[in-house]
Amino acid sequence: MELERLFLTDRPTLFIGEIEDITTLDQEYYILRIGIINPHRANLEVSMKSSKQKVDSLLKENPNLIRGYPSGVAVIGKIDNIKAVGDKNDIRIGEGKAIDIIYVEDLKIWYYRDL
């Protein structure tokens, strides 16, 4: 997959997936790590700088998010760079900033819609 061509553009990208980790960056921001749902079943994640206020509000309104699948999020974000990690550099992580994030109640439709 040509991730650079797809993700490193002037336009934001929509990502659908599960929140895998939330880390405090500073008083205003979290870093959200989101496992991306994709039809290629590739190991893709995004690491997004996200407003604490927005994330806290999202988690308060949607407590199912902390329980994981089948709920998740849709994130519109701007990717600044892509790095490869893992034993065989087989995981790609897009790093950038979230513009907006919303709750997705049922991720199953995204898992199976391209099959």
PDB file of N, CA and C in Angstrom:
ATOM      1  N   MET A   1       0.841  -1.183   0.000  1.00  0.00           N
ATOM      2  CA  MET A   1       0.000   0.000   0.000  1.00  0.00           C
ATOM      3  C   MET A   1       0.881   1.240   0.000  1.00  0.00           C
ATOM      4  N   GLU A   2       0.485   2.217  -0.713  1.00  0.00           N
ATOM      5  CA  GLU A   2       1.226   3.459  -0.782  1.00  0.00           C
ATOM      6  C   GLU A   2       0.645   4.450   0.223  1.00  0.00           C
ATOM      7  N   LEU A   3       0.990   4.257   1.502  1.00  0.00           N
ATOM      8  CA  LEU A   3       0.415   5.074   2.562  1.00  0.00           C
ATOM      9  C   LEU A   3       0.778   6.538   2.434  1.00  0.00           C
ATOM     10  N   GLU A   4       1.985   6.818   2.035  1.00  0.00           N
ATOM     11  CA  GLU A   4       2.380   8.220   1.915  1.00  0.00           C
ATOM     12  C   GLU A   4       1.497   8.951   0.923  1.00  0.00           C
ATOM     13  N   ARG A   5       1.221   8.317  -0.185  1.00  0.00           N
ATOM     14  CA  ARG A   5       0.376   8.946  -1.206  1.00  0.00           C
ATOM     15  C   ARG A   5      -1.043   9.151  -0.685  1.00  0.00           C
ATOM     16  N   LEU A   6      -1.542   8.214   0.119  1.00  0.00           N
ATOM     17  CA  LEU A   6      -2.902   8.299   0.635  1.00  0.00           C
ATOM     18  C   LEU A   6      -3.041   9.237   1.831  1.00  0.00           C
ATOM     19  N   PHE A   7      -2.083   9.195   2.752  1.00  0.00           N
ATOM     20  CA  PHE A   7      -2.223   9.894   4.018  1.00  0.00           C
ATOM     21  C   PHE A   7      -1.524  11.243   4.076  1.00  0.00           C
ATOM     22  N   LEU A   8      -0.411  11.394   3.394  1.00  0.00           N
ATOM     23  CA  LEU A   8       0.352  12.633   3.481  1.00  0.00           C
ATOM     24  C   LEU A   8      -0.073  13.593   2.387  1.00  0.00           C
ATOM     25  N   THR A   9      -1.251  14.145   2.578  1.00  0.00           N
ATOM     26  CA  THR A   9      -1.825  15.072   1.608  1.00  0.00           C
ATOM     27  C   THR A   9      -2.164  16.385   2.304  1.00  0.00           C
ATOM     28  N   ASP A  10      -2.613  17.354   1.541  1.00  0.00           N
ATOM     29  CA  ASP A  10      -3.043  18.633   2.108  1.00  0.00           C
ATOM     30  C   ASP A  10      -4.430  18.541   2.728  1.00  0.00           C
ATOM     31  N   ARG A  11      -5.148  17.458   2.430  1.00  0.00           N
ATOM     32  CA  ARG A  11      -6.514  17.309   2.927  1.00  0.00           C
ATOM     33  C   ARG A  11      -6.558  16.344   4.107  1.00  0.00           C
ATOM     34  N   PRO A  12      -7.508  16.549   5.021  1.00  0.00           N
ATOM     35  CA  PRO A  12      -7.686  15.614   6.125  1.00  0.00           C
ATOM     36  C   PRO A  12      -8.193  14.261   5.622  1.00  0.00           C
ATOM     37  N   THR A  13      -8.030  13.232   6.442  1.00  0.00           N
ATOM     38  CA  THR A  13      -8.443  11.873   6.112  1.00  0.00           C
ATOM     39  C   THR A  13      -9.394  11.373   7.187  1.00  0.00           C
ATOM     40  N   LEU A  14     -10.369  10.563   6.793  1.00  0.00           N
ATOM     41  CA  LEU A  14     -11.306   9.942   7.731  1.00  0.00           C
ATOM     42  C   LEU A  14     -10.793   8.558   8.091  1.00  0.00           C
ATOM     43  N   PHE A  15     -10.682   8.288   9.397  1.00  0.00           N
ATOM     44  CA  PHE A  15     -10.256   6.991   9.907  1.00  0.00           C
ATOM     45  C   PHE A  15     -11.363   6.416  10.779  1.00  0.00           C
ATOM     46  N   ILE A  16     -11.640   5.127  10.644  1.00  0.00           N
ATOM     47  CA  ILE A  16     -12.629   4.429  11.459  1.00  0.00           C
ATOM     48  C   ILE A  16     -11.886   3.340  12.224  1.00  0.00           C
ATOM     49  N   GLY A  17     -12.105   3.270  13.536  1.00  0.00           N
ATOM     50  CA  GLY A  17     -11.425   2.226  14.293  1.00  0.00           C
ATOM     51  C   GLY A  17     -11.736   2.254  15.775  1.00  0.00           C
ATOM     52  N   GLU A  18     -10.895   1.558  16.517  1.00  0.00           N
ATOM     53  CA  GLU A  18     -11.061   1.426  17.961  1.00  0.00           C
ATOM     54  C   GLU A  18      -9.961   2.192  18.687  1.00  0.00           C
ATOM     55  N   ILE A  19     -10.342   2.855  19.772  1.00  0.00           N
ATOM     56  CA  ILE A  19      -9.341   3.506  20.608  1.00  0.00           C
ATOM     57  C   ILE A  19      -8.569   2.413  21.334  1.00  0.00           C
ATOM     58  N   GLU A  20      -7.279   2.372  21.126  1.00  0.00           N
ATOM     59  CA  GLU A  20      -6.432   1.368  21.769  1.00  0.00           C
ATOM     60  C   GLU A  20      -5.697   1.915  22.978  1.00  0.00           C
ATOM     61  N   ASP A  21      -5.438   3.236  22.986  1.00  0.00           N
ATOM     62  CA  ASP A  21      -4.729   3.822  24.107  1.00  0.00           C
ATOM     63  C   ASP A  21      -4.956   5.329  24.119  1.00  0.00           C
ATOM     64  N   ILE A  22      -4.983   5.891  25.338  1.00  0.00           N
ATOM     65  CA  ILE A  22      -5.074   7.337  25.522  1.00  0.00           C
ATOM     66  C   ILE A  22      -3.960   7.731  26.483  1.00  0.00           C
ATOM     67  N   THR A  23      -3.102   8.650  26.047  1.00  0.00           N
ATOM     68  CA  THR A  23      -1.984   9.106  26.859  1.00  0.00           C
ATOM     69  C   THR A  23      -2.044  10.623  26.973  1.00  0.00           C
ATOM     70  N   THR A  24      -1.803  11.147  28.161  1.00  0.00           N
ATOM     71  CA  THR A  24      -1.784  12.596  28.351  1.00  0.00           C
ATOM     72  C   THR A  24      -0.509  13.173  27.741  1.00  0.00           C
ATOM     73  N   LEU A  25      -0.680  14.158  26.867  1.00  0.00           N
ATOM     74  CA  LEU A  25       0.460  14.866  26.281  1.00  0.00           C
ATOM     75  C   LEU A  25       0.827  16.076  27.143  1.00  0.00           C
ATOM     76  N   ASP A  26      -0.190  16.882  27.465  1.00  0.00           N
ATOM     77  CA  ASP A  26      -0.003  18.058  28.315  1.00  0.00           C
ATOM     78  C   ASP A  26      -1.369  18.440  28.875  1.00  0.00           C
ATOM     79  N   GLN A  27      -1.534  19.671  29.375  1.00  0.00           N
ATOM     80  CA  GLN A  27      -2.806  20.075  29.988  1.00  0.00           C
ATOM     81  C   GLN A  27      -3.945  20.199  28.984  1.00  0.00           C
ATOM     82  N   GLU A  28      -3.642  20.350  27.715  1.00  0.00           N
ATOM     83  CA  GLU A  28      -4.678  20.561  26.708  1.00  0.00           C
ATOM     84  C   GLU A  28      -4.928  19.367  25.788  1.00  0.00           C
ATOM     85  N   TYR A  29      -3.940  18.460  25.683  1.00  0.00           N
ATOM     86  CA  TYR A  29      -4.037  17.419  24.660  1.00  0.00           C
ATOM     87  C   TYR A  29      -3.738  16.019  25.190  1.00  0.00           C
ATOM     88  N   TYR A  30      -4.406  15.062  24.547  1.00  0.00           N
ATOM     89  CA  TYR A  30      -4.087  13.646  24.680  1.00  0.00           C
ATOM     90  C   TYR A  30      -3.430  13.187  23.379  1.00  0.00           C
ATOM     91  N   ILE A  31      -2.775  12.055  23.445  1.00  0.00           N
ATOM     92  CA  ILE A  31      -2.398  11.324  22.242  1.00  0.00           C
ATOM     93  C   ILE A  31      -3.303  10.093  22.208  1.00  0.00           C
ATOM     94  N   LEU A  32      -4.118  10.004  21.175  1.00  0.00           N
ATOM     95  CA  LEU A  32      -4.994   8.845  20.982  1.00  0.00           C
ATOM     96  C   LEU A  32      -4.337   7.893  20.011  1.00  0.00           C
ATOM     97  N   ARG A  33      -4.260   6.639  20.376  1.00  0.00           N
ATOM     98  CA  ARG A  33      -3.780   5.616  19.439  1.00  0.00           C
ATOM     99  C   ARG A  33      -5.009   4.825  19.013  1.00  0.00           C
ATOM    100  N   ILE A  34      -5.251   4.795  17.720  1.00  0.00           N
ATOM    101  CA  ILE A  34      -6.457   4.178  17.173  1.00  0.00           C
ATOM    102  C   ILE A  34      -6.068   3.101  16.176  1.00  0.00           C
ATOM    103  N   GLY A  35      -6.565   1.896  16.409  1.00  0.00           N
ATOM    104  CA  GLY A  35      -6.393   0.802  15.460  1.00  0.00           C
ATOM    105  C   GLY A  35      -7.381   0.992  14.334  1.00  0.00           C
ATOM    106  N   ILE A  36      -6.894   1.071  13.117  1.00  0.00           N
ATOM    107  CA  ILE A  36      -7.721   1.391  11.954  1.00  0.00           C
ATOM    108  C   ILE A  36      -8.345   0.138  11.365  1.00  0.00           C
ATOM    109  N   ILE A  37      -9.628   0.249  11.055  1.00  0.00           N
ATOM    110  CA  ILE A  37     -10.314  -0.809  10.323  1.00  0.00           C
ATOM    111  C   ILE A  37     -10.076  -0.538   8.842  1.00  0.00           C
ATOM    112  N   ASN A  38      -9.599  -1.541   8.121  1.00  0.00           N
ATOM    113  CA  ASN A  38      -9.344  -1.350   6.701  1.00  0.00           C
ATOM    114  C   ASN A  38      -9.603  -2.651   5.953  1.00  0.00           C
ATOM    115  N   PRO A  39     -10.029  -2.552   4.713  1.00  0.00           N
ATOM    116  CA  PRO A  39     -10.381  -3.753   3.954  1.00  0.00           C
ATOM    117  C   PRO A  39      -9.198  -4.651   3.631  1.00  0.00           C
ATOM    118  N   HIS A  40      -7.978  -4.145   3.734  1.00  0.00           N
ATOM    119  CA  HIS A  40      -6.788  -4.923   3.402  1.00  0.00           C
ATOM    120  C   HIS A  40      -6.254  -5.718   4.590  1.00  0.00           C
ATOM    121  N   ARG A  41      -6.865  -5.497   5.767  1.00  0.00           N
ATOM    122  CA  ARG A  41      -6.444  -6.172   7.002  1.00  0.00           C
ATOM    123  C   ARG A  41      -4.969  -5.922   7.322  1.00  0.00           C
ATOM    124  N   ALA A  42      -4.461  -4.802   6.857  1.00  0.00           N
ATOM    125  CA  ALA A  42      -3.073  -4.432   7.163  1.00  0.00           C
ATOM    126  C   ALA A  42      -2.999  -3.916   8.597  1.00  0.00           C
ATOM    127  N   ASN A  43      -1.832  -3.932   9.183  1.00  0.00           N
ATOM    128  CA  ASN A  43      -1.623  -3.421  10.531  1.00  0.00           C
ATOM    129  C   ASN A  43      -1.425  -1.916  10.472  1.00  0.00           C
ATOM    130  N   LEU A  44      -2.529  -1.181  10.593  1.00  0.00           N
ATOM    131  CA  LEU A  44      -2.485   0.272  10.518  1.00  0.00           C
ATOM    132  C   LEU A  44      -3.001   0.874  11.815  1.00  0.00           C
ATOM    133  N   GLU A  45      -2.330   1.907  12.271  1.00  0.00           N
ATOM    134  CA  GLU A  45      -2.765   2.661  13.430  1.00  0.00           C
ATOM    135  C   GLU A  45      -2.542   4.130  13.141  1.00  0.00           C
ATOM    136  N   VAL A  46      -3.266   4.975  13.881  1.00  0.00           N
ATOM    137  CA  VAL A  46      -2.956   6.396  13.876  1.00  0.00           C
ATOM    138  C   VAL A  46      -2.715   6.828  15.310  1.00  0.00           C
ATOM    139  N   SER A  47      -1.801   7.730  15.460  1.00  0.00           N
ATOM    140  CA  SER A  47      -1.480   8.330  16.748  1.00  0.00           C
ATOM    141  C   SER A  47      -1.780   9.811  16.584  1.00  0.00           C
ATOM    142  N   MET A  48      -2.881  10.257  17.211  1.00  0.00           N
ATOM    143  CA  MET A  48      -3.381  11.607  16.965  1.00  0.00           C
ATOM    144  C   MET A  48      -3.337  12.477  18.202  1.00  0.00           C
ATOM    145  N   LYS A  49      -2.800  13.672  18.055  1.00  0.00           N
ATOM    146  CA  LYS A  49      -2.899  14.682  19.093  1.00  0.00           C
ATOM    147  C   LYS A  49      -4.349  15.160  19.081  1.00  0.00           C
ATOM    148  N   SER A  50      -5.033  15.047  20.239  1.00  0.00           N
ATOM    149  CA  SER A  50      -6.467  15.327  20.302  1.00  0.00           C
ATOM    150  C   SER A  50      -6.796  16.180  21.523  1.00  0.00           C
ATOM    151  N   SER A  51      -7.720  17.087  21.363  1.00  0.00           N
ATOM    152  CA  SER A  51      -8.153  17.960  22.442  1.00  0.00           C
ATOM    153  C   SER A  51      -8.687  17.151  23.624  1.00  0.00           C
ATOM    154  N   LYS A  52      -8.164  17.411  24.828  1.00  0.00           N
ATOM    155  CA  LYS A  52      -8.661  16.719  26.026  1.00  0.00           C
ATOM    156  C   LYS A  52     -10.145  16.986  26.228  1.00  0.00           C
ATOM    157  N   GLN A  53     -10.557  18.221  26.007  1.00  0.00           N
ATOM    158  CA  GLN A  53     -11.950  18.589  26.197  1.00  0.00           C
ATOM    159  C   GLN A  53     -12.861  17.748  25.298  1.00  0.00           C
ATOM    160  N   LYS A  54     -12.481  17.601  24.042  1.00  0.00           N
ATOM    161  CA  LYS A  54     -13.284  16.842  23.091  1.00  0.00           C
ATOM    162  C   LYS A  54     -13.311  15.356  23.450  1.00  0.00           C
ATOM    163  N   VAL A  55     -12.160  14.793  23.804  1.00  0.00           N
ATOM    164  CA  VAL A  55     -12.080  13.372  24.136  1.00  0.00           C
ATOM    165  C   VAL A  55     -12.825  13.086  25.435  1.00  0.00           C
ATOM    166  N   ASP A  56     -12.641  13.925  26.454  1.00  0.00           N
ATOM    167  CA  ASP A  56     -13.335  13.721  27.727  1.00  0.00           C
ATOM    168  C   ASP A  56     -14.847  13.766  27.540  1.00  0.00           C
ATOM    169  N   SER A  57     -15.320  14.705  26.741  1.00  0.00           N
ATOM    170  CA  SER A  57     -16.748  14.811  26.452  1.00  0.00           C
ATOM    171  C   SER A  57     -17.250  13.565  25.721  1.00  0.00           C
ATOM    172  N   LEU A  58     -16.489  13.097  24.742  1.00  0.00           N
ATOM    173  CA  LEU A  58     -16.845  11.898  23.978  1.00  0.00           C
ATOM    174  C   LEU A  58     -16.948  10.678  24.893  1.00  0.00           C
ATOM    175  N   LEU A  59     -15.980  10.509  25.787  1.00  0.00           N
ATOM    176  CA  LEU A  59     -15.982   9.364  26.697  1.00  0.00           C
ATOM    177  C   LEU A  59     -17.113   9.451  27.721  1.00  0.00           C
ATOM    178  N   LYS A  60     -17.424  10.649  28.174  1.00  0.00           N
ATOM    179  CA  LYS A  60     -18.515  10.837  29.134  1.00  0.00           C
ATOM    180  C   LYS A  60     -19.862  10.499  28.499  1.00  0.00           C
ATOM    181  N   GLU A  61     -20.059  10.929  27.252  1.00  0.00           N
ATOM    182  CA  GLU A  61     -21.325  10.694  26.551  1.00  0.00           C
ATOM    183  C   GLU A  61     -21.462   9.262  26.035  1.00  0.00           C
ATOM    184  N   ASN A  62     -20.338   8.561  25.885  1.00  0.00           N
ATOM    185  CA  ASN A  62     -20.342   7.215  25.293  1.00  0.00           C
ATOM    186  C   ASN A  62     -19.478   6.266  26.110  1.00  0.00           C
ATOM    187  N   PRO A  63     -19.958   5.865  27.276  1.00  0.00           N
ATOM    188  CA  PRO A  63     -19.140   5.000  28.141  1.00  0.00           C
ATOM    189  C   PRO A  63     -18.815   3.642  27.516  1.00  0.00           C
ATOM    190  N   ASN A  64     -19.544   3.219  26.492  1.00  0.00           N
ATOM    191  CA  ASN A  64     -19.247   1.944  25.819  1.00  0.00           C
ATOM    192  C   ASN A  64     -17.889   1.952  25.120  1.00  0.00           C
ATOM    193  N   LEU A  65     -17.364   3.125  24.825  1.00  0.00           N
ATOM    194  CA  LEU A  65     -16.063   3.201  24.153  1.00  0.00           C
ATOM    195  C   LEU A  65     -14.963   2.553  24.972  1.00  0.00           C
ATOM    196  N   ILE A  66     -15.029   2.674  26.273  1.00  0.00           N
ATOM    197  CA  ILE A  66     -13.975   2.098  27.101  1.00  0.00           C
ATOM    198  C   ILE A  66     -14.093   0.589  27.204  1.00  0.00           C
ATOM    199  N   ARG A  67     -15.211   0.036  26.771  1.00  0.00           N
ATOM    200  CA  ARG A  67     -15.389  -1.414  26.768  1.00  0.00           C
ATOM    201  C   ARG A  67     -14.897  -2.035  25.465  1.00  0.00           C
ATOM    202  N   GLY A  68     -14.607  -1.208  24.459  1.00  0.00           N
ATOM    203  CA  GLY A  68     -14.072  -1.721  23.203  1.00  0.00           C
ATOM    204  C   GLY A  68     -15.128  -2.184  22.227  1.00  0.00           C
ATOM    205  N   TYR A  69     -14.711  -3.084  21.338  1.00  0.00           N
ATOM    206  CA  TYR A  69     -15.558  -3.598  20.262  1.00  0.00           C
ATOM    207  C   TYR A  69     -16.902  -4.035  20.812  1.00  0.00           C
ATOM    208  N   PRO A  70     -18.026  -3.753  20.160  1.00  0.00           N
ATOM    209  CA  PRO A  70     -18.155  -3.306  18.774  1.00  0.00           C
ATOM    210  C   PRO A  70     -18.200  -1.798  18.577  1.00  0.00           C
ATOM    211  N   SER A  71     -18.081  -1.002  19.651  1.00  0.00           N
ATOM    212  CA  SER A  71     -18.110   0.442  19.457  1.00  0.00           C
ATOM    213  C   SER A  71     -16.715   0.965  19.130  1.00  0.00           C
ATOM    214  N   GLY A  72     -16.688   2.145  18.537  1.00  0.00           N
ATOM    215  CA  GLY A  72     -15.412   2.739  18.158  1.00  0.00           C
ATOM    216  C   GLY A  72     -15.579   4.210  17.842  1.00  0.00           C
ATOM    217  N   VAL A  73     -14.680   4.723  17.011  1.00  0.00           N
ATOM    218  CA  VAL A  73     -14.698   6.138  16.670  1.00  0.00           C
ATOM    219  C   VAL A  73     -14.434   6.351  15.183  1.00  0.00           C
ATOM    220  N   ALA A  74     -14.913   7.485  14.730  1.00  0.00           N
ATOM    221  CA  ALA A  74     -14.537   8.011  13.424  1.00  0.00           C
ATOM    222  C   ALA A  74     -13.744   9.283  13.705  1.00  0.00           C
ATOM    223  N   VAL A  75     -12.551   9.361  13.146  1.00  0.00           N
ATOM    224  CA  VAL A  75     -11.662  10.499  13.382  1.00  0.00           C
ATOM    225  C   VAL A  75     -11.303  11.135  12.054  1.00  0.00           C
ATOM    226  N   ILE A  76     -11.470  12.435  11.990  1.00  0.00           N
ATOM    227  CA  ILE A  76     -10.972  13.192  10.845  1.00  0.00           C
ATOM    228  C   ILE A  76      -9.665  13.809  11.315  1.00  0.00           C
ATOM    229  N   GLY A  77      -8.590  13.493  10.615  1.00  0.00           N
ATOM    230  CA  GLY A  77      -7.292  13.971  11.058  1.00  0.00           C
ATOM    231  C   GLY A  77      -6.349  14.254   9.913  1.00  0.00           C
ATOM    232  N   LYS A  78      -5.309  14.943  10.247  1.00  0.00           N
ATOM    233  CA  LYS A  78      -4.264  15.295   9.292  1.00  0.00           C
ATOM    234  C   LYS A  78      -2.995  14.560   9.705  1.00  0.00           C
ATOM    235  N   ILE A  79      -2.498  13.696   8.838  1.00  0.00           N
ATOM    236  CA  ILE A  79      -1.295  12.913   9.110  1.00  0.00           C
ATOM    237  C   ILE A  79      -0.066  13.707   8.660  1.00  0.00           C
ATOM    238  N   ASP A  80       0.916  13.805   9.570  1.00  0.00           N
ATOM    239  CA  ASP A  80       2.153  14.530   9.278  1.00  0.00           C
ATOM    240  C   ASP A  80       3.293  13.615   8.851  1.00  0.00           C
ATOM    241  N   ASN A  81       3.312  12.398   9.413  1.00  0.00           N
ATOM    242  CA  ASN A  81       4.352  11.443   9.019  1.00  0.00           C
ATOM    243  C   ASN A  81       3.885  10.021   9.325  1.00  0.00           C
ATOM    244  N   ILE A  82       4.570   9.060   8.725  1.00  0.00           N
ATOM    245  CA  ILE A  82       4.254   7.646   8.909  1.00  0.00           C
ATOM    246  C   ILE A  82       5.524   6.941   9.351  1.00  0.00           C
ATOM    247  N   LYS A  83       5.387   6.093  10.389  1.00  0.00           N
ATOM    248  CA  LYS A  83       6.553   5.329  10.824  1.00  0.00           C
ATOM    249  C   LYS A  83       6.205   3.843  10.845  1.00  0.00           C
ATOM    250  N   ALA A  84       7.230   3.023  10.696  1.00  0.00           N
ATOM    251  CA  ALA A  84       7.079   1.574  10.738  1.00  0.00           C
ATOM    252  C   ALA A  84       7.628   1.076  12.070  1.00  0.00           C
ATOM    253  N   VAL A  85       6.866   0.195  12.729  1.00  0.00           N
ATOM    254  CA  VAL A  85       7.289  -0.379  14.006  1.00  0.00           C
ATOM    255  C   VAL A  85       7.000  -1.873  13.997  1.00  0.00           C
ATOM    256  N   GLY A  86       7.407  -2.544  15.057  1.00  0.00           N
ATOM    257  CA  GLY A  86       7.189  -3.978  15.169  1.00  0.00           C
ATOM    258  C   GLY A  86       8.462  -4.741  14.868  1.00  0.00           C
ATOM    259  N   ASP A  87       8.452  -6.028  15.186  1.00  0.00           N
ATOM    260  CA  ASP A  87       9.625  -6.882  14.975  1.00  0.00           C
ATOM    261  C   ASP A  87      10.098  -6.875  13.528  1.00  0.00           C
ATOM    262  N   LYS A  88       9.159  -6.829  12.611  1.00  0.00           N
ATOM    263  CA  LYS A  88       9.501  -6.866  11.184  1.00  0.00           C
ATOM    264  C   LYS A  88       9.109  -5.571  10.479  1.00  0.00           C
ATOM    265  N   ASN A  89       8.981  -4.499  11.267  1.00  0.00           N
ATOM    266  CA  ASN A  89       8.491  -3.230  10.714  1.00  0.00           C
ATOM    267  C   ASN A  89       7.184  -3.425   9.958  1.00  0.00           C
ATOM    268  N   ASP A  90       6.317  -4.294  10.502  1.00  0.00           N
ATOM    269  CA  ASP A  90       5.090  -4.646   9.809  1.00  0.00           C
ATOM    270  C   ASP A  90       3.873  -3.840  10.255  1.00  0.00           C
ATOM    271  N   ILE A  91       4.046  -2.934  11.210  1.00  0.00           N
ATOM    272  CA  ILE A  91       2.960  -2.079  11.652  1.00  0.00           C
ATOM    273  C   ILE A  91       3.272  -0.663  11.205  1.00  0.00           C
ATOM    274  N   ARG A  92       2.314  -0.022  10.571  1.00  0.00           N
ATOM    275  CA  ARG A  92       2.469   1.358  10.124  1.00  0.00           C
ATOM    276  C   ARG A  92       1.626   2.260  11.012  1.00  0.00           C
ATOM    277  N   ILE A  93       2.241   3.326  11.507  1.00  0.00           N
ATOM    278  CA  ILE A  93       1.546   4.274  12.358  1.00  0.00           C
ATOM    279  C   ILE A  93       1.602   5.652  11.714  1.00  0.00           C
ATOM    280  N   GLY A  94       0.434   6.201  11.440  1.00  0.00           N
ATOM    281  CA  GLY A  94       0.341   7.568  10.951  1.00  0.00           C
ATOM    282  C   GLY A  94       0.249   8.506  12.138  1.00  0.00           C
ATOM    283  N   GLU A  95       1.125   9.495  12.193  1.00  0.00           N
ATOM    284  CA  GLU A  95       1.134  10.431  13.307  1.00  0.00           C
ATOM    285  C   GLU A  95       0.642  11.796  12.830  1.00  0.00           C
ATOM    286  N   GLY A  96      -0.227  12.413  13.651  1.00  0.00           N
ATOM    287  CA  GLY A  96      -0.749  13.707  13.257  1.00  0.00           C
ATOM    288  C   GLY A  96      -1.676  14.298  14.294  1.00  0.00           C
ATOM    289  N   LYS A  97      -2.628  15.094  13.838  1.00  0.00           N
ATOM    290  CA  LYS A  97      -3.540  15.809  14.725  1.00  0.00           C
ATOM    291  C   LYS A  97      -4.983  15.525  14.317  1.00  0.00           C
ATOM    292  N   ALA A  98      -5.811  15.230  15.336  1.00  0.00           N
ATOM    293  CA  ALA A  98      -7.236  15.026  15.102  1.00  0.00           C
ATOM    294  C   ALA A  98      -7.922  16.377  14.930  1.00  0.00           C
ATOM    295  N   ILE A  99      -8.785  16.452  13.939  1.00  0.00           N
ATOM    296  CA  ILE A  99      -9.588  17.657  13.724  1.00  0.00           C
ATOM    297  C   ILE A  99     -10.932  17.489  14.411  1.00  0.00           C
ATOM    298  N   ASP A 100     -11.513  16.297  14.286  1.00  0.00           N
ATOM    299  CA  ASP A 100     -12.775  15.993  14.959  1.00  0.00           C
ATOM    300  C   ASP A 100     -12.850  14.494  15.202  1.00  0.00           C
ATOM    301  N   ILE A 101     -13.653  14.114  16.183  1.00  0.00           N
ATOM    302  CA  ILE A 101     -13.814  12.713  16.534  1.00  0.00           C
ATOM    303  C   ILE A 101     -15.252  12.496  16.985  1.00  0.00           C
ATOM    304  N   ILE A 102     -15.856  11.403  16.498  1.00  0.00           N
ATOM    305  CA  ILE A 102     -17.225  11.082  16.904  1.00  0.00           C
ATOM    306  C   ILE A 102     -17.333   9.598  17.239  1.00  0.00           C
ATOM    307  N   TYR A 103     -18.351   9.272  17.981  1.00  0.00           N
ATOM    308  CA  TYR A 103     -18.646   7.906  18.403  1.00  0.00           C
ATOM    309  C   TYR A 103     -19.267   7.122  17.253  1.00  0.00           C
ATOM    310  N   VAL A 104     -18.849   5.863  17.087  1.00  0.00           N
ATOM    311  CA  VAL A 104     -19.451   4.938  16.129  1.00  0.00           C
ATOM    312  C   VAL A 104     -19.969   3.761  16.948  1.00  0.00           C
ATOM    313  N   GLU A 105     -21.274   3.577  16.930  1.00  0.00           N
ATOM    314  CA  GLU A 105     -21.891   2.575  17.801  1.00  0.00           C
ATOM    315  C   GLU A 105     -21.554   1.143  17.418  1.00  0.00           C
ATOM    316  N   ASP A 106     -21.532   0.845  16.132  1.00  0.00           N
ATOM    317  CA  ASP A 106     -21.354  -0.541  15.705  1.00  0.00           C
ATOM    318  C   ASP A 106     -20.321  -0.627  14.585  1.00  0.00           C
ATOM    319  N   LEU A 107     -19.120  -1.053  14.937  1.00  0.00           N
ATOM    320  CA  LEU A 107     -18.040  -1.150  13.952  1.00  0.00           C
ATOM    321  C   LEU A 107     -18.201  -2.330  13.003  1.00  0.00           C
ATOM    322  N   LYS A 108     -19.093  -3.270  13.320  1.00  0.00           N
ATOM    323  CA  LYS A 108     -19.240  -4.465  12.472  1.00  0.00           C
ATOM    324  C   LYS A 108     -19.547  -4.099  11.029  1.00  0.00           C
ATOM    325  N   ILE A 109     -20.302  -3.028  10.818  1.00  0.00           N
ATOM    326  CA  ILE A 109     -20.617  -2.658   9.434  1.00  0.00           C
ATOM    327  C   ILE A 109     -19.362  -2.251   8.679  1.00  0.00           C
ATOM    328  N   TRP A 110     -18.367  -1.703   9.378  1.00  0.00           N
ATOM    329  CA  TRP A 110     -17.123  -1.312   8.724  1.00  0.00           C
ATOM    330  C   TRP A 110     -16.213  -2.515   8.487  1.00  0.00           C
ATOM    331  N   TYR A 111     -16.266  -3.490   9.381  1.00  0.00           N
ATOM    332  CA  TYR A 111     -15.456  -4.714   9.209  1.00  0.00           C
ATOM    333  C   TYR A 111     -15.908  -5.497   7.994  1.00  0.00           C
ATOM    334  N   TYR A 112     -17.192  -5.553   7.769  1.00  0.00           N
ATOM    335  CA  TYR A 112     -17.737  -6.456   6.759  1.00  0.00           C
ATOM    336  C   TYR A 112     -18.230  -5.777   5.494  1.00  0.00           C
ATOM    337  N   ARG A 113     -18.233  -4.482   5.425  1.00  0.00           N
ATOM    338  CA  ARG A 113     -18.842  -3.826   4.272  1.00  0.00           C
ATOM    339  C   ARG A 113     -18.086  -4.044   2.974  1.00  0.00           C
ATOM    340  N   ASP A 114     -16.787  -4.307   3.015  1.00  0.00           N
ATOM    341  CA  ASP A 114     -16.005  -4.485   1.796  1.00  0.00           C
ATOM    342  C   ASP A 114     -15.779  -5.949   1.416  1.00  0.00           C
ATOM    343  N   LEU A 115     -16.351  -6.852   2.165  1.00  0.00           N
ATOM    344  CA  LEU A 115     -16.132  -8.278   1.865  1.00  0.00           C
ATOM    345  C   LEU A 115     -17.031  -8.744   0.740  1.00  0.00           C
TER     346      LEU A 115
END
